[in-house]
Amino acid sequence: MEHHSNIVPWQLLAQALGIVVRVIPVDERGVLDLAAYRDLLGERTRLVCVNHVSNALGTVNPVAEMARDAHAHGALILVDGAQALPHQRVDVQALDVDFYAFSGHKVYGPMGIGALYARASLLEAMPPWQGGGEMISRVSFDRGTEFAAIPHRFEAGTPAVPEAIALGAALDWIDGVGIERLAAWEQWLLAHATQKLEGIDGLRIIGTAPDKASVISFVVDGAHAQDIGLLIDQLGVAIRTGHHCAQPLLQHFGVEATCRASLAVYNTPEEVDAFVEALQRVLGMLR
């Protein structure tokens, strides 16, 4: 179910260190098989990596439950929260996760910045991952380098100050409006769009988890996703097509590409209706 960004680093590490990457199965709804997940955990398990919300399907994963299972086997858990922060309140302490990462541009902030939460005890035990200014307390040719306290030892060089300020402003805006209000509106739009799309002949929604964010991936019999995307764009509607950086997941469903409509707080019911109408016009052309 993972985005490539939560697959490729572990494959590179496997090549370098010989670790084994094991994959949690996904059922036909796009829901993780938790029974299989528990069977995969063992005394040699060191790290569980999972997304909080699937970017391709919208599935919301039960990371708190998965964290309990991981910790029961002595493993750590890292969560990719890039798709969760815009849609729900996240409390890393309540989730009891060891690492949690998100991207700024997913929460209406700038690109090129994000955040990584980690337990203080883990950060204290980790060496810096790069060297530079502002991450030291003392440098000497005789005594070597003494690093600053966390988190500064991991922040070598000049920080992305404008981006950080903009990210803070974006998060303040979300808090000001209220993430619960944003989520409720997105869920209403999701239900409205899902009902409309289910009435289109030959359209199949990929990812029907009972708990999902406001993302709808779909395929249509006799129409390629790329063709749909190109034509619907000419009608003033922007959707995403392709494998969504989740090729193994799409291969599981037997497709190479899907169309994906992503609904956010700035969307309206009228825009959903316009999208569905445009899609029906496009499918009329292609068929």
Protein backbone atom coordinates (compact mmCIF):
# COMPACT_ATOMS: atom_id res chain seq x y z
CA MET A 1 0.00 0.00 0.00
CA GLU A 2 2.99 2.28 0.40
CA HIS A 3 4.09 5.26 -1.65
CA HIS A 4 7.42 4.59 -3.36
CA SER A 5 9.07 6.95 -0.86
CA ASN A 6 8.34 4.37 1.85
CA ILE A 7 9.55 1.44 -0.26
CA VAL A 8 12.67 2.51 -2.14
CA PRO A 9 14.75 3.57 0.92
CA TRP A 10 14.22 0.19 2.55
CA GLN A 11 15.09 -1.66 -0.64
CA LEU A 12 18.32 0.34 -0.86
CA LEU A 13 19.04 -0.51 2.77
CA ALA A 14 18.32 -4.16 2.06
CA GLN A 15 20.89 -4.13 -0.73
CA ALA A 16 23.46 -2.44 1.49
CA LEU A 17 22.93 -4.36 4.71
CA GLY A 18 21.15 -7.54 3.73
CA ILE A 19 18.00 -6.81 5.69
CA VAL A 20 14.77 -8.48 4.59
CA VAL A 21 11.74 -6.40 3.58
CA ARG A 22 8.43 -8.17 4.18
CA VAL A 23 5.16 -6.84 2.78
CA ILE A 24 1.79 -6.67 4.58
CA PRO A 25 -0.96 -8.01 2.28
CA VAL A 26 -3.92 -5.88 1.19
CA ASP A 27 -7.44 -7.22 0.65
CA GLU A 28 -9.80 -6.49 -2.24
CA ARG A 29 -11.14 -3.36 -0.49
CA GLY A 30 -7.69 -1.85 -0.11
CA VAL A 31 -7.49 -2.64 3.61
CA LEU A 32 -4.37 -4.03 5.28
CA ASP A 33 -4.68 -7.64 6.43
CA LEU A 34 -3.96 -7.19 10.13
CA ALA A 35 -3.98 -10.91 10.86
CA ALA A 36 -1.28 -11.41 8.25
CA TYR A 37 0.57 -8.41 9.66
CA ARG A 38 0.69 -10.00 13.10
CA ASP A 39 1.93 -13.25 11.57
CA LEU A 40 4.78 -11.34 9.91
CA LEU A 41 5.98 -9.91 13.22
CA GLY A 42 8.68 -11.93 14.93
CA GLU A 43 11.75 -11.73 17.09
CA ARG A 44 13.84 -10.56 14.12
CA THR A 45 11.46 -7.71 13.22
CA ARG A 46 13.18 -4.39 13.82
CA LEU A 47 11.06 -1.76 12.11
CA VAL A 48 7.49 -1.51 10.82
CA CYS A 49 6.91 1.15 8.14
CA VAL A 50 3.38 2.06 7.10
CA ASN A 51 1.47 5.02 5.77
CA HIS A 52 -1.26 6.54 7.90
CA VAL A 53 -3.41 7.26 4.84
CA SER A 54 -2.89 5.76 1.40
CA ASN A 55 -2.25 8.40 -1.25
CA ALA A 56 -3.58 6.10 -3.97
CA LEU A 57 -6.69 4.74 -2.24
CA GLY A 58 -7.45 6.99 0.71
CA THR A 59 -7.45 4.05 3.14
CA VAL A 60 -6.89 5.13 6.74
CA ASN A 61 -4.71 2.57 8.50
CA PRO A 62 -5.09 1.72 12.22
CA VAL A 63 -1.58 2.82 13.15
CA ALA A 64 -2.22 2.91 16.90
CA GLU A 65 -3.19 -0.76 16.83
CA MET A 66 -0.27 -1.58 14.57
CA ALA A 67 2.09 0.27 16.91
CA ARG A 68 0.91 -1.82 19.86
CA ASP A 69 1.54 -5.02 17.92
CA ALA A 70 4.97 -3.83 16.77
CA HIS A 71 6.05 -2.83 20.26
CA ALA A 72 4.83 -6.14 21.66
CA HIS A 73 7.48 -7.79 19.46
CA GLY A 74 10.18 -5.28 20.35
CA ALA A 75 10.00 -3.49 17.00
CA LEU A 76 9.83 0.23 16.23
CA ILE A 77 7.22 1.78 13.96
CA LEU A 78 7.66 4.59 11.42
CA VAL A 79 4.57 6.22 9.95
CA ASP A 80 4.33 8.17 6.69
CA GLY A 81 1.76 10.80 7.64
CA ALA A 82 1.94 12.96 4.51
CA GLN A 83 -1.64 12.15 3.52
CA ALA A 84 -3.07 12.13 7.05
CA LEU A 85 -2.24 15.63 8.32
CA PRO A 86 -4.57 17.45 5.89
CA HIS A 87 -7.55 15.27 6.83
CA GLN A 88 -7.43 14.45 10.52
CA ARG A 89 -5.96 15.44 13.86
CA VAL A 90 -2.76 13.55 14.60
CA ASP A 91 -1.51 12.97 18.15
CA VAL A 92 1.78 11.09 17.98
CA GLN A 93 1.68 10.34 21.69
CA ALA A 94 -1.80 8.84 21.48
CA LEU A 95 -0.74 6.82 18.44
CA ASP A 96 2.39 5.75 20.36
CA VAL A 97 4.53 5.77 17.21
CA ASP A 98 8.31 6.03 17.20
CA PHE A 99 8.68 8.11 14.02
CA TYR A 100 6.11 10.20 12.14
CA ALA A 101 6.83 12.20 8.97
CA PHE A 102 4.80 14.60 6.85
CA SER A 103 5.26 16.98 3.92
CA GLY A 104 4.57 20.71 3.97
CA HIS A 105 2.84 20.97 0.61
CA LYS A 106 0.22 18.44 1.66
CA VAL A 107 -1.01 20.79 4.41
CA TYR A 108 -1.29 23.84 2.14
CA GLY A 109 2.27 24.93 2.90
CA PRO A 110 5.28 25.28 0.60
CA MET A 111 7.14 22.50 -1.17
CA GLY A 112 10.59 21.45 -0.07
CA ILE A 113 9.90 21.28 3.65
CA GLY A 114 8.28 18.89 6.09
CA ALA A 115 8.74 17.49 9.55
CA LEU A 116 9.94 14.31 11.17
CA TYR A 117 8.89 13.47 14.70
CA ALA A 118 10.94 10.92 16.63
CA ARG A 119 11.06 9.83 20.24
CA ALA A 120 13.67 11.78 22.16
CA SER A 121 15.31 8.59 23.43
CA LEU A 122 15.82 7.40 19.86
CA LEU A 123 17.21 10.73 18.69
CA GLU A 124 19.62 10.81 21.62
CA ALA A 125 21.02 7.45 20.54
CA MET A 126 21.42 8.42 16.86
CA PRO A 127 24.50 10.10 15.34
CA PRO A 128 24.03 13.07 12.98
CA TRP A 129 23.19 12.08 9.44
CA GLN A 130 25.14 14.99 7.94
CA GLY A 131 27.68 17.53 9.12
CA GLY A 132 27.83 21.31 8.91
CA GLY A 133 27.30 24.48 10.83
CA GLU A 134 24.80 25.09 13.60
CA MET A 135 24.69 21.44 14.68
CA ILE A 136 27.67 21.53 17.02
CA SER A 137 28.46 22.78 20.47
CA ARG A 138 32.26 22.64 20.05
CA VAL A 139 34.74 21.90 17.26
CA SER A 140 38.44 21.27 17.83
CA PHE A 141 41.21 19.58 15.86
CA ASP A 142 42.54 18.22 19.14
CA ARG A 143 39.32 16.97 20.71
CA GLY A 144 37.12 16.52 17.67
CA THR A 145 33.51 17.66 17.42
CA GLU A 146 30.95 17.78 20.19
CA PHE A 147 27.44 17.87 18.81
CA ALA A 148 24.59 20.05 19.97
CA ALA A 149 21.59 18.69 21.84
CA ILE A 150 18.64 17.31 19.91
CA PRO A 151 17.08 18.36 17.63
CA HIS A 152 19.82 20.80 16.62
CA ARG A 153 22.41 18.10 15.95
CA PHE A 154 20.28 16.95 13.02
CA GLU A 155 19.90 20.42 11.50
CA ALA A 156 23.23 21.09 9.82
CA GLY A 157 23.62 24.22 7.74
CA THR A 158 21.33 27.16 7.08
CA PRO A 159 17.71 26.18 7.73
CA ALA A 160 14.87 26.78 5.28
CA VAL A 161 13.61 29.76 7.28
CA PRO A 162 11.00 31.19 4.85
CA GLU A 163 9.61 27.72 4.20
CA ALA A 164 9.40 26.99 7.92
CA ILE A 165 7.54 30.24 8.56
CA ALA A 166 5.13 29.49 5.72
CA LEU A 167 4.57 25.93 6.96
CA GLY A 168 3.82 27.27 10.42
CA ALA A 169 1.30 29.71 8.95
CA ALA A 170 -0.41 26.89 7.04
CA LEU A 171 -0.69 24.74 10.16
CA ASP A 172 -2.00 27.73 12.14
CA TRP A 173 -4.66 28.22 9.47
CA ILE A 174 -5.75 24.58 9.75
CA ASP A 175 -5.94 24.88 13.52
CA GLY A 176 -7.85 28.12 13.24
CA VAL A 177 -10.51 26.69 10.96
CA GLY A 178 -10.54 23.40 12.87
CA ILE A 179 -9.33 20.11 11.43
CA GLU A 180 -12.59 18.43 12.52
CA ARG A 181 -14.60 20.93 10.44
CA LEU A 182 -12.29 20.41 7.45
CA ALA A 183 -12.56 16.63 7.75
CA ALA A 184 -16.37 16.70 8.03
CA TRP A 185 -16.67 18.77 4.85
CA GLU A 186 -14.27 16.52 2.95
CA GLN A 187 -16.17 13.43 4.07
CA TRP A 188 -19.42 14.94 2.84
CA LEU A 189 -17.84 15.68 -0.53
CA LEU A 190 -16.41 12.14 -0.64
CA ALA A 191 -19.82 10.57 -0.03
CA HIS A 192 -21.44 12.84 -2.64
CA ALA A 193 -18.79 12.10 -5.28
CA THR A 194 -18.79 8.36 -4.55
CA GLN A 195 -22.57 8.16 -4.99
CA LYS A 196 -22.36 10.02 -8.30
CA LEU A 197 -19.50 7.90 -9.67
CA GLU A 198 -21.11 4.61 -8.69
CA GLY A 199 -23.92 5.41 -11.11
CA ILE A 200 -21.60 5.43 -14.14
CA ASP A 201 -21.64 2.18 -16.13
CA GLY A 202 -18.30 0.40 -16.31
CA LEU A 203 -16.65 2.54 -13.64
CA ARG A 204 -14.93 0.69 -10.81
CA ILE A 205 -13.64 2.43 -7.71
CA ILE A 206 -10.29 1.06 -6.56
CA GLY A 207 -10.15 1.23 -2.77
CA THR A 208 -13.41 0.88 -0.87
CA ALA A 209 -12.16 0.79 2.71
CA PRO A 210 -14.83 1.67 5.29
CA ASP A 211 -12.50 4.31 6.73
CA LYS A 212 -10.91 6.44 4.04
CA ALA A 213 -9.86 9.99 3.27
CA SER A 214 -11.35 12.10 0.49
CA VAL A 215 -9.60 10.38 -2.40
CA ILE A 216 -11.31 8.36 -5.13
CA SER A 217 -9.26 6.21 -7.51
CA PHE A 218 -11.14 4.60 -10.35
CA VAL A 219 -10.87 2.83 -13.67
CA VAL A 220 -13.42 2.65 -16.48
CA ASP A 221 -13.97 -0.30 -18.80
CA GLY A 222 -12.79 0.46 -22.33
CA ALA A 223 -11.11 3.77 -21.43
CA HIS A 224 -7.47 4.33 -20.52
CA ALA A 225 -6.79 6.55 -17.51
CA GLN A 226 -4.39 8.74 -19.47
CA ASP A 227 -6.98 9.40 -22.19
CA ILE A 228 -9.57 10.30 -19.57
CA GLY A 229 -7.16 12.67 -17.86
CA LEU A 230 -6.16 14.45 -21.05
CA LEU A 231 -9.72 14.94 -22.29
CA ILE A 232 -11.26 15.95 -18.98
CA ASP A 233 -8.52 18.54 -18.60
CA GLN A 234 -9.81 20.17 -21.82
CA LEU A 235 -13.15 20.54 -20.06
CA GLY A 236 -11.59 22.42 -17.18
CA VAL A 237 -11.32 19.58 -14.68
CA ALA A 238 -7.97 18.54 -13.19
CA ILE A 239 -7.53 14.99 -11.93
CA ARG A 240 -4.44 12.83 -11.47
CA THR A 241 -3.75 9.78 -13.61
CA GLY A 242 -1.03 7.15 -13.53
CA HIS A 243 0.36 4.84 -10.89
CA HIS A 244 0.51 7.56 -8.19
CA CYS A 245 3.96 6.40 -7.02
CA ALA A 246 2.32 3.20 -5.79
CA GLN A 247 3.05 0.67 -8.52
CA PRO A 248 3.05 -2.45 -6.31
CA LEU A 249 -0.38 -1.51 -4.95
CA LEU A 250 -1.90 -0.98 -8.38
CA GLN A 251 -0.38 -4.21 -9.62
CA HIS A 252 -2.14 -5.95 -6.73
CA PHE A 253 -5.44 -4.75 -8.18
CA GLY A 254 -4.44 -5.81 -11.69
CA VAL A 255 -4.22 -2.30 -13.15
CA GLU A 256 -1.34 -0.19 -14.42
CA ALA A 257 -2.98 3.19 -13.87
CA THR A 258 -6.05 4.79 -12.33
CA CYS A 259 -7.76 8.13 -12.41
CA ARG A 260 -7.72 9.83 -9.02
CA ALA A 261 -9.99 12.61 -7.86
CA SER A 262 -8.70 14.29 -4.71
CA LEU A 263 -11.22 16.37 -2.77
CA ALA A 264 -10.15 19.05 -0.31
CA VAL A 265 -11.67 21.74 1.86
CA TYR A 266 -11.68 24.28 -0.98
CA ASN A 267 -13.87 22.09 -3.20
CA THR A 268 -17.65 22.47 -3.50
CA PRO A 269 -20.57 20.17 -4.35
CA GLU A 270 -20.98 22.12 -7.60
CA GLU A 271 -17.40 21.27 -8.55
CA VAL A 272 -18.04 17.61 -7.83
CA ASP A 273 -21.10 17.71 -10.07
CA ALA A 274 -19.10 19.47 -12.80
CA PHE A 275 -16.41 16.79 -12.53
CA VAL A 276 -18.94 13.96 -12.90
CA GLU A 277 -20.65 15.69 -15.82
CA ALA A 278 -17.31 16.24 -17.56
CA LEU A 279 -16.33 12.62 -16.95
CA GLN A 280 -19.57 11.40 -18.54
CA ARG A 281 -18.90 13.60 -21.59
CA VAL A 282 -15.38 12.23 -21.90
CA LEU A 283 -16.53 8.65 -21.64
CA GLY A 284 -19.11 9.36 -24.34
CA MET A 285 -16.26 10.48 -26.62
CA LEU A 286 -14.07 7.47 -25.83
CA ARG A 287 -16.84 4.94 -26.22
